[in-house]
Amino acid sequence: MNGIVLTVFAVVCLTAVVTAERQCYSGSGTEYSKQNCGSNANYCTKVTLAGIVTRGCDRTDIMCRNQGNKCANQGSAVGEVCCCDSDNCNSATITTTSFALGLVTLLAGLIASYVH
């Protein structure tokens, strides 16, 4: 019985790995939606130029291969380029919410340590 469970688990895991494609938010301004990027895309991007934010996939890894998983200012012609390597990581809402939640947790911990 354990052998069957292990085999089924292995097949499910391998299928998930083989069929997995990077999923990123794609669009410009406030209009964007989730999109499957294809098997060649390793990074999601968020480019900010002249106050306009464009999200998408780095299908060729040209922008993000050397930069890695971070934001960098690429000059006035390109603007700020943010690269990240997990699904739907190029959404401002998710990043802002995660940061705010982390900050609130940190502050609550500090307050609790001073109260006791």
PDB file of N, CA and C in Angstrom:
ATOM      1  N   MET A   1       0.816  -1.197   0.000  1.00  0.00           N
ATOM      2  CA  MET A   1       0.000   0.000   0.000  1.00  0.00           C
ATOM      3  C   MET A   1       0.862   1.265   0.000  1.00  0.00           C
ATOM      4  N   ASN A   2       1.916   1.282   0.831  1.00  0.00           N
ATOM      5  CA  ASN A   2       2.801   2.444   0.871  1.00  0.00           C
ATOM      6  C   ASN A   2       3.481   2.674  -0.471  1.00  0.00           C
ATOM      7  N   GLY A   3       3.811   1.583  -1.182  1.00  0.00           N
ATOM      8  CA  GLY A   3       4.449   1.695  -2.492  1.00  0.00           C
ATOM      9  C   GLY A   3       3.543   2.359  -3.507  1.00  0.00           C
ATOM     10  N   ILE A   4       2.251   2.038  -3.465  1.00  0.00           N
ATOM     11  CA  ILE A   4       1.287   2.629  -4.398  1.00  0.00           C
ATOM     12  C   ILE A   4       1.130   4.121  -4.109  1.00  0.00           C
ATOM     13  N   VAL A   5       1.012   4.472  -2.849  1.00  0.00           N
ATOM     14  CA  VAL A   5       0.871   5.879  -2.470  1.00  0.00           C
ATOM     15  C   VAL A   5       2.103   6.666  -2.901  1.00  0.00           C
ATOM     16  N   LEU A   6       3.275   6.101  -2.682  1.00  0.00           N
ATOM     17  CA  LEU A   6       4.521   6.764  -3.066  1.00  0.00           C
ATOM     18  C   LEU A   6       4.607   6.938  -4.579  1.00  0.00           C
ATOM     19  N   THR A   7       4.199   5.931  -5.333  1.00  0.00           N
ATOM     20  CA  THR A   7       4.226   6.003  -6.794  1.00  0.00           C
ATOM     21  C   THR A   7       3.273   7.081  -7.305  1.00  0.00           C
ATOM     22  N   VAL A   8       2.052   7.112  -6.770  1.00  0.00           N
ATOM     23  CA  VAL A   8       1.073   8.122  -7.187  1.00  0.00           C
ATOM     24  C   VAL A   8       1.590   9.526  -6.852  1.00  0.00           C
ATOM     25  N   PHE A   9       2.162   9.686  -5.670  1.00  0.00           N
ATOM     26  CA  PHE A   9       2.721  10.975  -5.259  1.00  0.00           C
ATOM     27  C   PHE A   9       3.833  11.412  -6.209  1.00  0.00           C
ATOM     28  N   ALA A  10       4.715  10.496  -6.574  1.00  0.00           N
ATOM     29  CA  ALA A  10       5.826  10.808  -7.479  1.00  0.00           C
ATOM     30  C   ALA A  10       5.315  11.225  -8.852  1.00  0.00           C
ATOM     31  N   VAL A  11       4.306  10.529  -9.369  1.00  0.00           N
ATOM     32  CA  VAL A  11       3.744  10.860 -10.686  1.00  0.00           C
ATOM     33  C   VAL A  11       3.103  12.244 -10.655  1.00  0.00           C
ATOM     34  N   VAL A  12       2.360  12.550  -9.597  1.00  0.00           N
ATOM     35  CA  VAL A  12       1.727  13.865  -9.480  1.00  0.00           C
ATOM     36  C   VAL A  12       2.783  14.965  -9.417  1.00  0.00           C
ATOM     37  N   CYS A  13       3.823  14.758  -8.633  1.00  0.00           N
ATOM     38  CA  CYS A  13       4.893  15.764  -8.519  1.00  0.00           C
ATOM     39  C   CYS A  13       5.613  15.964  -9.840  1.00  0.00           C
ATOM     40  N   LEU A  14       5.936  14.886 -10.529  1.00  0.00           N
ATOM     41  CA  LEU A  14       6.630  15.000 -11.812  1.00  0.00           C
ATOM     42  C   LEU A  14       5.761  15.684 -12.848  1.00  0.00           C
ATOM     43  N   THR A  15       4.470  15.391 -12.857  1.00  0.00           N
ATOM     44  CA  THR A  15       3.559  16.038 -13.794  1.00  0.00           C
ATOM     45  C   THR A  15       3.503  17.534 -13.528  1.00  0.00           C
ATOM     46  N   ALA A  16       3.467  17.918 -12.273  1.00  0.00           N
ATOM     47  CA  ALA A  16       3.431  19.342 -11.926  1.00  0.00           C
ATOM     48  C   ALA A  16       4.700  20.041 -12.381  1.00  0.00           C
ATOM     49  N   VAL A  17       5.849  19.394 -12.245  1.00  0.00           N
ATOM     50  CA  VAL A  17       7.119  19.995 -12.651  1.00  0.00           C
ATOM     51  C   VAL A  17       7.198  20.120 -14.162  1.00  0.00           C
ATOM     52  N   VAL A  18       6.782  19.087 -14.879  1.00  0.00           N
ATOM     53  CA  VAL A  18       6.872  19.084 -16.338  1.00  0.00           C
ATOM     54  C   VAL A  18       5.936  20.118 -16.950  1.00  0.00           C
ATOM     55  N   THR A  19       4.729  20.270 -16.399  1.00  0.00           N
ATOM     56  CA  THR A  19       3.752  21.168 -17.007  1.00  0.00           C
ATOM     57  C   THR A  19       3.805  22.591 -16.453  1.00  0.00           C
ATOM     58  N   ALA A  20       4.651  22.836 -15.478  1.00  0.00           N
ATOM     59  CA  ALA A  20       4.681  24.160 -14.852  1.00  0.00           C
ATOM     60  C   ALA A  20       5.270  25.200 -15.797  1.00  0.00           C
ATOM     61  N   GLU A  21       4.578  26.304 -15.923  1.00  0.00           N
ATOM     62  CA  GLU A  21       5.063  27.459 -16.660  1.00  0.00           C
ATOM     63  C   GLU A  21       4.978  28.649 -15.727  1.00  0.00           C
ATOM     64  N   ARG A  22       5.878  29.577 -15.896  1.00  0.00           N
ATOM     65  CA  ARG A  22       5.842  30.798 -15.091  1.00  0.00           C
ATOM     66  C   ARG A  22       4.551  31.536 -15.407  1.00  0.00           C
ATOM     67  N   GLN A  23       3.870  32.016 -14.384  1.00  0.00           N
ATOM     68  CA  GLN A  23       2.671  32.826 -14.560  1.00  0.00           C
ATOM     69  C   GLN A  23       2.958  34.212 -13.988  1.00  0.00           C
ATOM     70  N   CYS A  24       2.695  35.245 -14.792  1.00  0.00           N
ATOM     71  CA  CYS A  24       2.977  36.625 -14.388  1.00  0.00           C
ATOM     72  C   CYS A  24       1.768  37.501 -14.685  1.00  0.00           C
ATOM     73  N   TYR A  25       1.728  38.651 -14.019  1.00  0.00           N
ATOM     74  CA  TYR A  25       0.749  39.655 -14.394  1.00  0.00           C
ATOM     75  C   TYR A  25       1.258  40.356 -15.641  1.00  0.00           C
ATOM     76  N   SER A  26       0.329  40.674 -16.555  1.00  0.00           N
ATOM     77  CA  SER A  26       0.699  41.320 -17.807  1.00  0.00           C
ATOM     78  C   SER A  26      -0.257  42.474 -18.077  1.00  0.00           C
ATOM     79  N   GLY A  27       0.292  43.608 -18.490  1.00  0.00           N
ATOM     80  CA  GLY A  27      -0.538  44.755 -18.818  1.00  0.00           C
ATOM     81  C   GLY A  27       0.172  46.050 -18.490  1.00  0.00           C
ATOM     82  N   SER A  28      -0.557  47.159 -18.658  1.00  0.00           N
ATOM     83  CA  SER A  28       0.025  48.475 -18.438  1.00  0.00           C
ATOM     84  C   SER A  28      -0.911  49.314 -17.580  1.00  0.00           C
ATOM     85  N   GLY A  29      -0.322  50.172 -16.758  1.00  0.00           N
ATOM     86  CA  GLY A  29      -1.129  51.020 -15.878  1.00  0.00           C
ATOM     87  C   GLY A  29      -1.831  50.184 -14.827  1.00  0.00           C
ATOM     88  N   THR A  30      -3.135  50.394 -14.691  1.00  0.00           N
ATOM     89  CA  THR A  30      -3.914  49.626 -13.718  1.00  0.00           C
ATOM     90  C   THR A  30      -4.635  48.451 -14.353  1.00  0.00           C
ATOM     91  N   GLU A  31      -4.511  48.296 -15.660  1.00  0.00           N
ATOM     92  CA  GLU A  31      -5.171  47.209 -16.379  1.00  0.00           C
ATOM     93  C   GLU A  31      -4.195  46.063 -16.604  1.00  0.00           C
ATOM     94  N   TYR A  32      -4.288  45.025 -15.800  1.00  0.00           N
ATOM     95  CA  TYR A  32      -3.436  43.865 -16.012  1.00  0.00           C
ATOM     96  C   TYR A  32      -4.128  42.608 -15.523  1.00  0.00           C
ATOM     97  N   SER A  33      -3.701  41.480 -16.073  1.00  0.00           N
ATOM     98  CA  SER A  33      -4.290  40.190 -15.727  1.00  0.00           C
ATOM     99  C   SER A  33      -3.202  39.124 -15.714  1.00  0.00           C
ATOM    100  N   LYS A  34      -3.532  37.967 -15.166  1.00  0.00           N
ATOM    101  CA  LYS A  34      -2.575  36.866 -15.113  1.00  0.00           C
ATOM    102  C   LYS A  34      -2.409  36.263 -16.498  1.00  0.00           C
ATOM    103  N   GLN A  35      -1.181  35.851 -16.802  1.00  0.00           N
ATOM    104  CA  GLN A  35      -0.911  35.225 -18.091  1.00  0.00           C
ATOM    105  C   GLN A  35       0.133  34.133 -17.915  1.00  0.00           C
ATOM    106  N   ASN A  36      -0.018  33.037 -18.657  1.00  0.00           N
ATOM    107  CA  ASN A  36       1.008  31.998 -18.686  1.00  0.00           C
ATOM    108  C   ASN A  36       2.096  32.450 -19.642  1.00  0.00           C
ATOM    109  N   CYS A  37       3.342  32.383 -19.184  1.00  0.00           N
ATOM    110  CA  CYS A  37       4.445  32.966 -19.946  1.00  0.00           C
ATOM    111  C   CYS A  37       5.115  32.000 -20.916  1.00  0.00           C
ATOM    112  N   GLY A  38       4.897  30.733 -20.787  1.00  0.00           N
ATOM    113  CA  GLY A  38       5.588  29.769 -21.631  1.00  0.00           C
ATOM    114  C   GLY A  38       6.783  29.184 -20.906  1.00  0.00           C
ATOM    115  N   SER A  39       7.321  28.147 -21.471  1.00  0.00           N
ATOM    116  CA  SER A  39       8.389  27.403 -20.792  1.00  0.00           C
ATOM    117  C   SER A  39       9.730  28.131 -20.797  1.00  0.00           C
ATOM    118  N   ASN A  40       9.921  29.111 -21.672  1.00  0.00           N
ATOM    119  CA  ASN A  40      11.203  29.823 -21.739  1.00  0.00           C
ATOM    120  C   ASN A  40      11.320  30.960 -20.735  1.00  0.00           C
ATOM    121  N   ALA A  41      10.212  31.397 -20.163  1.00  0.00           N
ATOM    122  CA  ALA A  41      10.238  32.551 -19.253  1.00  0.00           C
ATOM    123  C   ALA A  41      10.562  32.109 -17.836  1.00  0.00           C
ATOM    124  N   ASN A  42      11.636  32.633 -17.300  1.00  0.00           N
ATOM    125  CA  ASN A  42      12.023  32.342 -15.925  1.00  0.00           C
ATOM    126  C   ASN A  42      11.672  33.477 -14.977  1.00  0.00           C
ATOM    127  N   TYR A  43      11.407  34.668 -15.514  1.00  0.00           N
ATOM    128  CA  TYR A  43      11.173  35.843 -14.677  1.00  0.00           C
ATOM    129  C   TYR A  43       9.902  36.582 -15.083  1.00  0.00           C
ATOM    130  N   CYS A  44       9.264  37.200 -14.094  1.00  0.00           N
ATOM    131  CA  CYS A  44       8.222  38.195 -14.323  1.00  0.00           C
ATOM    132  C   CYS A  44       8.899  39.562 -14.230  1.00  0.00           C
ATOM    133  N   THR A  45       8.347  40.544 -14.942  1.00  0.00           N
ATOM    134  CA  THR A  45       8.941  41.882 -14.927  1.00  0.00           C
ATOM    135  C   THR A  45       7.902  42.937 -14.568  1.00  0.00           C
ATOM    136  N   LYS A  46       8.401  44.021 -14.017  1.00  0.00           N
ATOM    137  CA  LYS A  46       7.605  45.230 -13.802  1.00  0.00           C
ATOM    138  C   LYS A  46       8.528  46.388 -14.150  1.00  0.00           C
ATOM    139  N   VAL A  47       8.196  47.109 -15.209  1.00  0.00           N
ATOM    140  CA  VAL A  47       9.029  48.215 -15.684  1.00  0.00           C
ATOM    141  C   VAL A  47       8.272  49.518 -15.447  1.00  0.00           C
ATOM    142  N   THR A  48       8.940  50.472 -14.793  1.00  0.00           N
ATOM    143  CA  THR A  48       8.347  51.782 -14.537  1.00  0.00           C
ATOM    144  C   THR A  48       9.152  52.829 -15.290  1.00  0.00           C
ATOM    145  N   LEU A  49       8.486  53.505 -16.232  1.00  0.00           N
ATOM    146  CA  LEU A  49       9.136  54.543 -17.036  1.00  0.00           C
ATOM    147  C   LEU A  49       8.189  55.729 -17.138  1.00  0.00           C
ATOM    148  N   ALA A  50       8.641  56.885 -16.728  1.00  0.00           N
ATOM    149  CA  ALA A  50       7.853  58.122 -16.769  1.00  0.00           C
ATOM    150  C   ALA A  50       6.512  57.947 -16.054  1.00  0.00           C
ATOM    151  N   GLY A  51       6.517  57.221 -14.945  1.00  0.00           N
ATOM    152  CA  GLY A  51       5.311  57.032 -14.150  1.00  0.00           C
ATOM    153  C   GLY A  51       4.357  55.974 -14.671  1.00  0.00           C
ATOM    154  N   ILE A  52       4.679  55.360 -15.786  1.00  0.00           N
ATOM    155  CA  ILE A  52       3.823  54.304 -16.350  1.00  0.00           C
ATOM    156  C   ILE A  52       4.427  52.951 -16.009  1.00  0.00           C
ATOM    157  N   VAL A  53       3.606  52.081 -15.423  1.00  0.00           N
ATOM    158  CA  VAL A  53       4.057  50.753 -15.017  1.00  0.00           C
ATOM    159  C   VAL A  53       3.562  49.726 -16.025  1.00  0.00           C
ATOM    160  N   THR A  54       4.487  48.908 -16.514  1.00  0.00           N
ATOM    161  CA  THR A  54       4.152  47.830 -17.435  1.00  0.00           C
ATOM    162  C   THR A  54       4.621  46.519 -16.826  1.00  0.00           C
ATOM    163  N   ARG A  55       3.720  45.541 -16.785  1.00  0.00           N
ATOM    164  CA  ARG A  55       4.037  44.231 -16.216  1.00  0.00           C
ATOM    165  C   ARG A  55       4.028  43.191 -17.322  1.00  0.00           C
ATOM    166  N   GLY A  56       4.837  42.146 -17.157  1.00  0.00           N
ATOM    167  CA  GLY A  56       4.852  41.089 -18.157  1.00  0.00           C
ATOM    168  C   GLY A  56       5.827  39.986 -17.820  1.00  0.00           C
ATOM    169  N   CYS A  57       6.156  39.200 -18.845  1.00  0.00           N
ATOM    170  CA  CYS A  57       7.084  38.080 -18.737  1.00  0.00           C
ATOM    171  C   CYS A  57       8.380  38.444 -19.453  1.00  0.00           C
ATOM    172  N   ASP A  58       9.493  38.008 -18.915  1.00  0.00           N
ATOM    173  CA  ASP A  58      10.772  38.155 -19.622  1.00  0.00           C
ATOM    174  C   ASP A  58      11.003  36.843 -20.361  1.00  0.00           C
ATOM    175  N   ARG A  59      10.386  36.718 -21.530  1.00  0.00           N
ATOM    176  CA  ARG A  59      10.397  35.448 -22.269  1.00  0.00           C
ATOM    177  C   ARG A  59      11.785  35.056 -22.767  1.00  0.00           C
ATOM    178  N   THR A  60      12.658  36.015 -22.942  1.00  0.00           N
ATOM    179  CA  THR A  60      14.000  35.703 -23.446  1.00  0.00           C
ATOM    180  C   THR A  60      15.065  35.792 -22.359  1.00  0.00           C
ATOM    181  N   ASP A  61      14.682  36.192 -21.161  1.00  0.00           N
ATOM    182  CA  ASP A  61      15.600  36.379 -20.029  1.00  0.00           C
ATOM    183  C   ASP A  61      16.659  37.448 -20.297  1.00  0.00           C
ATOM    184  N   ILE A  62      16.446  38.295 -21.303  1.00  0.00           N
ATOM    185  CA  ILE A  62      17.428  39.333 -21.627  1.00  0.00           C
ATOM    186  C   ILE A  62      17.501  40.376 -20.517  1.00  0.00           C
ATOM    187  N   MET A  63      16.348  40.819 -20.014  1.00  0.00           N
ATOM    188  CA  MET A  63      16.350  41.861 -18.982  1.00  0.00           C
ATOM    189  C   MET A  63      16.814  41.337 -17.631  1.00  0.00           C
ATOM    190  N   CYS A  64      16.437  40.116 -17.306  1.00  0.00           N
ATOM    191  CA  CYS A  64      16.588  39.649 -15.923  1.00  0.00           C
ATOM    192  C   CYS A  64      17.722  38.656 -15.684  1.00  0.00           C
ATOM    193  N   ARG A  65      18.293  38.101 -16.710  1.00  0.00           N
ATOM    194  CA  ARG A  65      19.318  37.065 -16.523  1.00  0.00           C
ATOM    195  C   ARG A  65      20.463  37.551 -15.640  1.00  0.00           C
ATOM    196  N   ASN A  66      21.020  38.703 -15.945  1.00  0.00           N
ATOM    197  CA  ASN A  66      22.140  39.227 -15.156  1.00  0.00           C
ATOM    198  C   ASN A  66      21.687  39.974 -13.908  1.00  0.00           C
ATOM    199  N   GLN A  67      20.512  40.571 -13.968  1.00  0.00           N
ATOM    200  CA  GLN A  67      20.011  41.360 -12.841  1.00  0.00           C
ATOM    201  C   GLN A  67      19.553  40.479 -11.690  1.00  0.00           C
ATOM    202  N   GLY A  68      18.911  39.377 -12.019  1.00  0.00           N
ATOM    203  CA  GLY A  68      18.406  38.496 -10.970  1.00  0.00           C
ATOM    204  C   GLY A  68      17.109  39.003 -10.365  1.00  0.00           C
ATOM    205  N   ASN A  69      16.836  38.562  -9.175  1.00  0.00           N
ATOM    206  CA  ASN A  69      15.561  38.767  -8.498  1.00  0.00           C
ATOM    207  C   ASN A  69      15.581  40.060  -7.671  1.00  0.00           C
ATOM    208  N   LYS A  70      15.525  41.216  -8.363  1.00  0.00           N
ATOM    209  CA  LYS A  70      15.555  42.510  -7.672  1.00  0.00           C
ATOM    210  C   LYS A  70      15.140  43.621  -8.628  1.00  0.00           C
ATOM    211  N   CYS A  71      15.048  44.838  -8.107  1.00  0.00           N
ATOM    212  CA  CYS A  71      14.759  46.023  -8.915  1.00  0.00           C
ATOM    213  C   CYS A  71      16.048  46.802  -9.134  1.00  0.00           C
ATOM    214  N   ALA A  72      16.180  47.402 -10.313  1.00  0.00           N
ATOM    215  CA  ALA A  72      17.363  48.207 -10.620  1.00  0.00           C
ATOM    216  C   ALA A  72      16.970  49.322 -11.578  1.00  0.00           C
ATOM    217  N   ASN A  73      17.552  50.501 -11.386  1.00  0.00           N
ATOM    218  CA  ASN A  73      17.319  51.624 -12.276  1.00  0.00           C
ATOM    219  C   ASN A  73      18.221  51.452 -13.493  1.00  0.00           C
ATOM    220  N   GLN A  74      17.610  51.381 -14.680  1.00  0.00           N
ATOM    221  CA  GLN A  74      18.350  51.148 -15.919  1.00  0.00           C
ATOM    222  C   GLN A  74      18.577  52.427 -16.715  1.00  0.00           C
ATOM    223  N   GLY A  75      18.364  53.581 -16.109  1.00  0.00           N
ATOM    224  CA  GLY A  75      18.572  54.842 -16.810  1.00  0.00           C
ATOM    225  C   GLY A  75      17.276  55.428 -17.331  1.00  0.00           C
ATOM    226  N   SER A  76      17.358  56.652 -17.847  1.00  0.00           N
ATOM    227  CA  SER A  76      16.149  57.369 -18.256  1.00  0.00           C
ATOM    228  C   SER A  76      15.468  56.768 -19.480  1.00  0.00           C
ATOM    229  N   ALA A  77      16.194  56.034 -20.315  1.00  0.00           N
ATOM    230  CA  ALA A  77      15.587  55.447 -21.509  1.00  0.00           C
ATOM    231  C   ALA A  77      14.774  54.198 -21.189  1.00  0.00           C
ATOM    232  N   VAL A  78      15.165  53.468 -20.154  1.00  0.00           N
ATOM    233  CA  VAL A  78      14.490  52.216 -19.807  1.00  0.00           C
ATOM    234  C   VAL A  78      13.672  52.361 -18.527  1.00  0.00           C
ATOM    235  N   GLY A  79      14.169  53.095 -17.546  1.00  0.00           N
ATOM    236  CA  GLY A  79      13.475  53.263 -16.275  1.00  0.00           C
ATOM    237  C   GLY A  79      13.880  52.202 -15.271  1.00  0.00           C
ATOM    238  N   GLU A  80      13.027  51.997 -14.271  1.00  0.00           N
ATOM    239  CA  GLU A  80      13.301  50.982 -13.258  1.00  0.00           C
ATOM    240  C   GLU A  80      12.751  49.644 -13.725  1.00  0.00           C
ATOM    241  N   VAL A  81      13.588  48.624 -13.685  1.00  0.00           N
ATOM    242  CA  VAL A  81      13.195  47.273 -14.081  1.00  0.00           C
ATOM    243  C   VAL A  81      13.244  46.387 -12.846  1.00  0.00           C
ATOM    244  N   CYS A  82      12.109  45.768 -12.530  1.00  0.00           N
ATOM    245  CA  CYS A  82      12.036  44.819 -11.420  1.00  0.00           C
ATOM    246  C   CYS A  82      11.836  43.428 -11.995  1.00  0.00           C
ATOM    247  N   CYS A  83      12.661  42.493 -11.547  1.00  0.00           N
ATOM    248  CA  CYS A  83      12.574  41.105 -11.981  1.00  0.00           C
ATOM    249  C   CYS A  83      12.311  40.233 -10.758  1.00  0.00           C
ATOM    250  N   CYS A  84      11.468  39.234 -10.919  1.00  0.00           N
ATOM    251  CA  CYS A  84      11.206  38.300  -9.830  1.00  0.00           C
ATOM    252  C   CYS A  84      10.927  36.926 -10.434  1.00  0.00           C
ATOM    253  N   ASP A  85      11.212  35.881  -9.667  1.00  0.00           N
ATOM    254  CA  ASP A  85      11.189  34.537 -10.244  1.00  0.00           C
ATOM    255  C   ASP A  85      10.198  33.583  -9.587  1.00  0.00           C
ATOM    256  N   SER A  86       9.044  34.111  -9.168  1.00  0.00           N
ATOM    257  CA  SER A  86       7.975  33.236  -8.689  1.00  0.00           C
ATOM    258  C   SER A  86       6.671  33.657  -9.355  1.00  0.00           C
ATOM    259  N   ASP A  87       5.695  32.779  -9.348  1.00  0.00           N
ATOM    260  CA  ASP A  87       4.444  33.059 -10.042  1.00  0.00           C
ATOM    261  C   ASP A  87       3.750  34.301  -9.495  1.00  0.00           C
ATOM    262  N   ASN A  88       3.308  35.156 -10.408  1.00  0.00           N
ATOM    263  CA  ASN A  88       2.533  36.362 -10.108  1.00  0.00           C
ATOM    264  C   ASN A  88       3.227  37.297  -9.124  1.00  0.00           C
ATOM    265  N   CYS A  89       4.538  37.299  -9.144  1.00  0.00           N
ATOM    266  CA  CYS A  89       5.310  38.114  -8.197  1.00  0.00           C
ATOM    267  C   CYS A  89       5.392  39.576  -8.611  1.00  0.00           C
ATOM    268  N   ASN A  90       4.939  39.926  -9.814  1.00  0.00           N
ATOM    269  CA  ASN A  90       5.064  41.303 -10.290  1.00  0.00           C
ATOM    270  C   ASN A  90       3.797  42.134 -10.065  1.00  0.00           C
ATOM    271  N   SER A  91       3.058  41.807  -9.034  1.00  0.00           N
ATOM    272  CA  SER A  91       1.865  42.566  -8.681  1.00  0.00           C
ATOM    273  C   SER A  91       2.162  43.499  -7.522  1.00  0.00           C
ATOM    274  N   ALA A  92       1.884  44.776  -7.670  1.00  0.00           N
ATOM    275  CA  ALA A  92       2.134  45.755  -6.602  1.00  0.00           C
ATOM    276  C   ALA A  92       1.261  45.477  -5.395  1.00  0.00           C
ATOM    277  N   THR A  93       0.045  45.035  -5.622  1.00  0.00           N
ATOM    278  CA  THR A  93      -0.884  44.786  -4.524  1.00  0.00           C
ATOM    279  C   THR A  93      -0.350  43.722  -3.589  1.00  0.00           C
ATOM    280  N   ILE A  94       0.137  42.633  -4.142  1.00  0.00           N
ATOM    281  CA  ILE A  94       0.644  41.539  -3.320  1.00  0.00           C
ATOM    282  C   ILE A  94       1.879  41.994  -2.554  1.00  0.00           C
ATOM    283  N   THR A  95       2.797  42.680  -3.216  1.00  0.00           N
ATOM    284  CA  THR A  95       4.017  43.138  -2.561  1.00  0.00           C
ATOM    285  C   THR A  95       3.696  44.135  -1.454  1.00  0.00           C
ATOM    286  N   THR A  96       2.826  45.089  -1.733  1.00  0.00           N
ATOM    287  CA  THR A  96       2.464  46.092  -0.743  1.00  0.00           C
ATOM    288  C   THR A  96       1.780  45.454   0.453  1.00  0.00           C
ATOM    289  N   THR A  97       0.865  44.538   0.198  1.00  0.00           N
ATOM    290  CA  THR A  97       0.167  43.862   1.282  1.00  0.00           C
ATOM    291  C   THR A  97       1.137  43.062   2.128  1.00  0.00           C
ATOM    292  N   SER A  98       2.046  42.334   1.500  1.00  0.00           N
ATOM    293  CA  SER A  98       3.021  41.540   2.239  1.00  0.00           C
ATOM    294  C   SER A  98       3.925  42.433   3.076  1.00  0.00           C
ATOM    295  N   PHE A  99       4.366  43.543   2.527  1.00  0.00           N
ATOM    296  CA  PHE A  99       5.227  44.464   3.259  1.00  0.00           C
ATOM    297  C   PHE A  99       4.479  45.052   4.448  1.00  0.00           C
ATOM    298  N   ALA A 100       3.244  45.492   4.219  1.00  0.00           N
ATOM    299  CA  ALA A 100       2.454  46.087   5.296  1.00  0.00           C
ATOM    300  C   ALA A 100       2.192  45.072   6.402  1.00  0.00           C
ATOM    301  N   LEU A 101       1.867  43.847   6.033  1.00  0.00           N
ATOM    302  CA  LEU A 101       1.628  42.805   7.024  1.00  0.00           C
ATOM    303  C   LEU A 101       2.891  42.519   7.823  1.00  0.00           C
ATOM    304  N   GLY A 102       4.024  42.466   7.157  1.00  0.00           N
ATOM    305  CA  GLY A 102       5.293  42.246   7.844  1.00  0.00           C
ATOM    306  C   GLY A 102       5.626  43.377   8.795  1.00  0.00           C
ATOM    307  N   LEU A 103       5.374  44.604   8.362  1.00  0.00           N
ATOM    308  CA  LEU A 103       5.646  45.768   9.198  1.00  0.00           C
ATOM    309  C   LEU A 103       4.750  45.777  10.433  1.00  0.00           C
ATOM    310  N   VAL A 104       3.467  45.488  10.250  1.00  0.00           N
ATOM    311  CA  VAL A 104       2.538  45.436  11.381  1.00  0.00           C
ATOM    312  C   VAL A 104       2.951  44.346  12.362  1.00  0.00           C
ATOM    313  N   THR A 105       3.346  43.183  11.848  1.00  0.00           N
ATOM    314  CA  THR A 105       3.789  42.087  12.710  1.00  0.00           C
ATOM    315  C   THR A 105       5.027  42.488  13.498  1.00  0.00           C
ATOM    316  N   LEU A 106       5.973  43.126  12.841  1.00  0.00           N
ATOM    317  CA  LEU A 106       7.189  43.581  13.517  1.00  0.00           C
ATOM    318  C   LEU A 106       6.865  44.594  14.614  1.00  0.00           C
ATOM    319  N   LEU A 107       6.029  45.571  14.295  1.00  0.00           N
ATOM    320  CA  LEU A 107       5.652  46.577  15.287  1.00  0.00           C
ATOM    321  C   LEU A 107       4.903  45.961  16.461  1.00  0.00           C
ATOM    322  N   ALA A 108       4.005  45.024  16.186  1.00  0.00           N
ATOM    323  CA  ALA A 108       3.269  44.356  17.266  1.00  0.00           C
ATOM    324  C   ALA A 108       4.224  43.596  18.175  1.00  0.00           C
ATOM    325  N   GLY A 109       5.217  42.950  17.594  1.00  0.00           N
ATOM    326  CA  GLY A 109       6.212  42.233  18.390  1.00  0.00           C
ATOM    327  C   GLY A 109       7.029  43.167  19.258  1.00  0.00           C
ATOM    328  N   LEU A 110       7.430  44.308  18.698  1.00  0.00           N
ATOM    329  CA  LEU A 110       8.192  45.293  19.473  1.00  0.00           C
ATOM    330  C   LEU A 110       7.369  45.868  20.620  1.00  0.00           C
ATOM    331  N   ILE A 111       6.119  46.193  20.341  1.00  0.00           N
ATOM    332  CA  ILE A 111       5.242  46.734  21.381  1.00  0.00           C
ATOM    333  C   ILE A 111       5.021  45.697  22.480  1.00  0.00           C
ATOM    334  N   ALA A 112       4.783  44.457  22.085  1.00  0.00           N
ATOM    335  CA  ALA A 112       4.563  43.392  23.066  1.00  0.00           C
ATOM    336  C   ALA A 112       5.794  43.175  23.936  1.00  0.00           C
ATOM    337  N   SER A 113       6.984  43.306  23.364  1.00  0.00           N
ATOM    338  CA  SER A 113       8.200  43.095  24.153  1.00  0.00           C
ATOM    339  C   SER A 113       8.427  44.231  25.154  1.00  0.00           C
ATOM    340  N   TYR A 114       7.993  45.443  24.836  1.00  0.00           N
ATOM    341  CA  TYR A 114       8.142  46.563  25.765  1.00  0.00           C
ATOM    342  C   TYR A 114       7.068  46.565  26.849  1.00  0.00           C
ATOM    343  N   VAL A 115       5.892  46.043  26.545  1.00  0.00           N
ATOM    344  CA  VAL A 115       4.790  46.017  27.502  1.00  0.00           C
ATOM    345  C   VAL A 115       5.074  45.022  28.618  1.00  0.00           C
ATOM    346  N   HIS A 116       5.659  43.893  28.292  1.00  0.00           N
ATOM    347  CA  HIS A 116       5.916  42.850  29.303  1.00  0.00           C
ATOM    348  C   HIS A 116       7.226  43.065  29.898  1.00  0.00           C
TER     349      HIS A 116
END
